[in-house]
Amino acid sequence: MKLTHMKLIGLSVVIAFTVCSFGAYAEESKEETYRNMNKDQIKGRVDEAQGKAKEETGKILDDKGMEIEGNVQKNVGKAQKGFGDTKKDIQQGK
């Protein structure tokens, strides 16, 4: 099997796992989570997951630009999630 075919198969697997795991997680705790989360927490978690998927895709395809872009997006998502967590803690008086 050629290396390009292996990369495409790997990319397909990463995308499938990402979609399946996110879907299962979202269904499992959708109502409870969204009721208790603010917009910054939600957006941060989504950006973090998308960045991680993009980073892994860049690694599989040996695309350094995509890998770096995914890493940046993942870290920005973590920061926004942290900001949302802090904002929620302040609102709850913790």
C-alpha atoms as a PDB file:
ATOM      1  CA  MET A   1       0.000   0.000   0.000  1.00  0.00           C
ATOM      2  CA  LYS A   2       1.323   3.441  -0.884  1.00  0.00           C
ATOM      3  CA  LEU A   3       2.108   5.992   1.779  1.00  0.00           C
ATOM      4  CA  THR A   4      -0.556   8.385   0.443  1.00  0.00           C
ATOM      5  CA  HIS A   5      -3.207   5.674   0.815  1.00  0.00           C
ATOM      6  CA  MET A   6      -2.102   5.069   4.380  1.00  0.00           C
ATOM      7  CA  LYS A   7      -2.349   8.789   5.108  1.00  0.00           C
ATOM      8  CA  LEU A   8      -5.858   8.951   3.672  1.00  0.00           C
ATOM      9  CA  ILE A   9      -6.944   5.910   5.654  1.00  0.00           C
ATOM     10  CA  GLY A  10      -5.429   7.425   8.813  1.00  0.00           C
ATOM     11  CA  LEU A  11      -7.179  10.729   8.138  1.00  0.00           C
ATOM     12  CA  SER A  12     -10.481   8.916   7.655  1.00  0.00           C
ATOM     13  CA  VAL A  13     -10.017   7.092  10.946  1.00  0.00           C
ATOM     14  CA  VAL A  14      -9.198  10.315  12.844  1.00  0.00           C
ATOM     15  CA  ILE A  15     -12.235  12.071  11.404  1.00  0.00           C
ATOM     16  CA  ALA A  16     -14.505   9.099  12.140  1.00  0.00           C
ATOM     17  CA  PHE A  17     -13.298   8.815  15.739  1.00  0.00           C
ATOM     18  CA  THR A  18     -13.629  12.548  16.291  1.00  0.00           C
ATOM     19  CA  VAL A  19     -17.165  12.676  14.946  1.00  0.00           C
ATOM     20  CA  CYS A  20     -18.277   9.523  16.753  1.00  0.00           C
ATOM     21  CA  SER A  21     -16.752  10.419  20.094  1.00  0.00           C
ATOM     22  CA  PHE A  22     -18.034  13.989  20.012  1.00  0.00           C
ATOM     23  CA  GLY A  23     -21.510  12.804  19.031  1.00  0.00           C
ATOM     24  CA  ALA A  24     -21.634  10.261  21.841  1.00  0.00           C
ATOM     25  CA  TYR A  25     -20.364  12.778  24.366  1.00  0.00           C
ATOM     26  CA  ALA A  26     -22.791  15.455  23.198  1.00  0.00           C
ATOM     27  CA  GLU A  27     -25.815  13.154  23.360  1.00  0.00           C
ATOM     28  CA  GLU A  28     -24.840  11.785  26.740  1.00  0.00           C
ATOM     29  CA  SER A  29     -24.697  15.078  28.535  1.00  0.00           C
ATOM     30  CA  LYS A  30     -26.294  17.612  26.199  1.00  0.00           C
ATOM     31  CA  GLU A  31     -29.106  18.933  28.362  1.00  0.00           C
ATOM     32  CA  GLU A  32     -27.259  18.975  31.673  1.00  0.00           C
ATOM     33  CA  THR A  33     -24.094  20.441  30.192  1.00  0.00           C
ATOM     34  CA  TYR A  34     -25.672  23.229  28.171  1.00  0.00           C
ATOM     35  CA  ARG A  35     -27.890  24.240  31.046  1.00  0.00           C
ATOM     36  CA  ASN A  36     -24.831  24.759  33.240  1.00  0.00           C
ATOM     37  CA  MET A  37     -22.401  26.227  30.697  1.00  0.00           C
ATOM     38  CA  ASN A  38     -21.922  29.734  29.377  1.00  0.00           C
ATOM     39  CA  LYS A  39     -21.139  30.599  25.756  1.00  0.00           C
ATOM     40  CA  ASP A  40     -17.405  30.958  26.374  1.00  0.00           C
ATOM     41  CA  GLN A  41     -17.181  27.468  27.851  1.00  0.00           C
ATOM     42  CA  ILE A  42     -19.078  25.929  24.923  1.00  0.00           C
ATOM     43  CA  LYS A  43     -17.170  27.818  22.222  1.00  0.00           C
ATOM     44  CA  GLY A  44     -13.849  27.042  23.926  1.00  0.00           C
ATOM     45  CA  ARG A  45     -14.567  23.324  24.081  1.00  0.00           C
ATOM     46  CA  VAL A  46     -15.677  23.229  20.433  1.00  0.00           C
ATOM     47  CA  ASP A  47     -12.578  25.131  19.284  1.00  0.00           C
ATOM     48  CA  GLU A  48     -10.360  22.879  21.389  1.00  0.00           C
ATOM     49  CA  ALA A  49     -11.849  19.730  19.821  1.00  0.00           C
ATOM     50  CA  GLN A  50     -11.632  21.137  16.288  1.00  0.00           C
ATOM     51  CA  GLY A  51      -8.050  22.238  16.864  1.00  0.00           C
ATOM     52  CA  LYS A  52      -7.065  18.812  18.171  1.00  0.00           C
ATOM     53  CA  ALA A  53      -8.622  17.140  15.117  1.00  0.00           C
ATOM     54  CA  LYS A  54      -6.874  19.586  12.786  1.00  0.00           C
ATOM     55  CA  GLU A  55      -3.555  19.063  14.581  1.00  0.00           C
ATOM     56  CA  GLU A  56      -3.809  15.272  14.298  1.00  0.00           C
ATOM     57  CA  THR A  57      -4.831  15.541  10.650  1.00  0.00           C
ATOM     58  CA  GLY A  58      -1.763  17.698   9.995  1.00  0.00           C
ATOM     59  CA  LYS A  59       0.441  15.076  11.641  1.00  0.00           C
ATOM     60  CA  ILE A  60      -1.064  12.286   9.543  1.00  0.00           C
ATOM     61  CA  LEU A  61      -0.773  14.241   6.294  1.00  0.00           C
ATOM     62  CA  ASP A  62       2.673  15.553   7.256  1.00  0.00           C
ATOM     63  CA  ASP A  63       1.357  19.109   6.798  1.00  0.00           C
ATOM     64  CA  LYS A  64       3.242  21.281   9.301  1.00  0.00           C
ATOM     65  CA  GLY A  65       1.070  24.332   8.565  1.00  0.00           C
ATOM     66  CA  MET A  66      -2.147  22.487   9.389  1.00  0.00           C
ATOM     67  CA  GLU A  67      -0.544  20.942  12.459  1.00  0.00           C
ATOM     68  CA  ILE A  68       0.528  24.358  13.782  1.00  0.00           C
ATOM     69  CA  GLU A  69      -2.835  25.925  12.940  1.00  0.00           C
ATOM     70  CA  GLY A  70      -4.609  23.119  14.827  1.00  0.00           C
ATOM     71  CA  ASN A  71      -2.300  23.504  17.816  1.00  0.00           C
ATOM     72  CA  VAL A  72      -3.003  27.240  17.956  1.00  0.00           C
ATOM     73  CA  GLN A  73      -6.767  26.707  17.638  1.00  0.00           C
ATOM     74  CA  LYS A  74      -6.667  24.031  20.357  1.00  0.00           C
ATOM     75  CA  ASN A  75      -4.794  26.317  22.759  1.00  0.00           C
ATOM     76  CA  VAL A  76      -7.047  29.306  22.033  1.00  0.00           C
ATOM     77  CA  GLY A  77     -10.013  27.035  22.773  1.00  0.00           C
ATOM     78  CA  LYS A  78      -8.436  25.965  26.071  1.00  0.00           C
ATOM     79  CA  ALA A  79      -7.926  29.605  27.035  1.00  0.00           C
ATOM     80  CA  GLN A  80     -11.504  30.536  26.149  1.00  0.00           C
ATOM     81  CA  LYS A  81     -12.807  27.504  28.048  1.00  0.00           C
ATOM     82  CA  GLY A  82     -10.760  28.589  31.067  1.00  0.00           C
ATOM     83  CA  PHE A  83     -12.128  32.121  30.794  1.00  0.00           C
ATOM     84  CA  GLY A  84     -15.668  30.728  30.692  1.00  0.00           C
ATOM     85  CA  ASP A  85     -14.966  28.495  33.694  1.00  0.00           C
ATOM     86  CA  THR A  86     -13.632  31.462  35.654  1.00  0.00           C
ATOM     87  CA  LYS A  87     -16.598  33.609  34.646  1.00  0.00           C
ATOM     88  CA  LYS A  88     -18.994  30.884  35.835  1.00  0.00           C
ATOM     89  CA  ASP A  89     -17.128  30.515  39.138  1.00  0.00           C
ATOM     90  CA  ILE A  90     -17.376  34.266  39.748  1.00  0.00           C
ATOM     91  CA  GLN A  91     -21.094  34.265  38.961  1.00  0.00           C
ATOM     92  CA  GLN A  92     -21.649  31.390  41.389  1.00  0.00           C
ATOM     93  CA  GLY A  93     -19.616  33.131  44.071  1.00  0.00           C
ATOM     94  CA  LYS A  94     -16.871  30.526  44.328  1.00  0.00           C
END
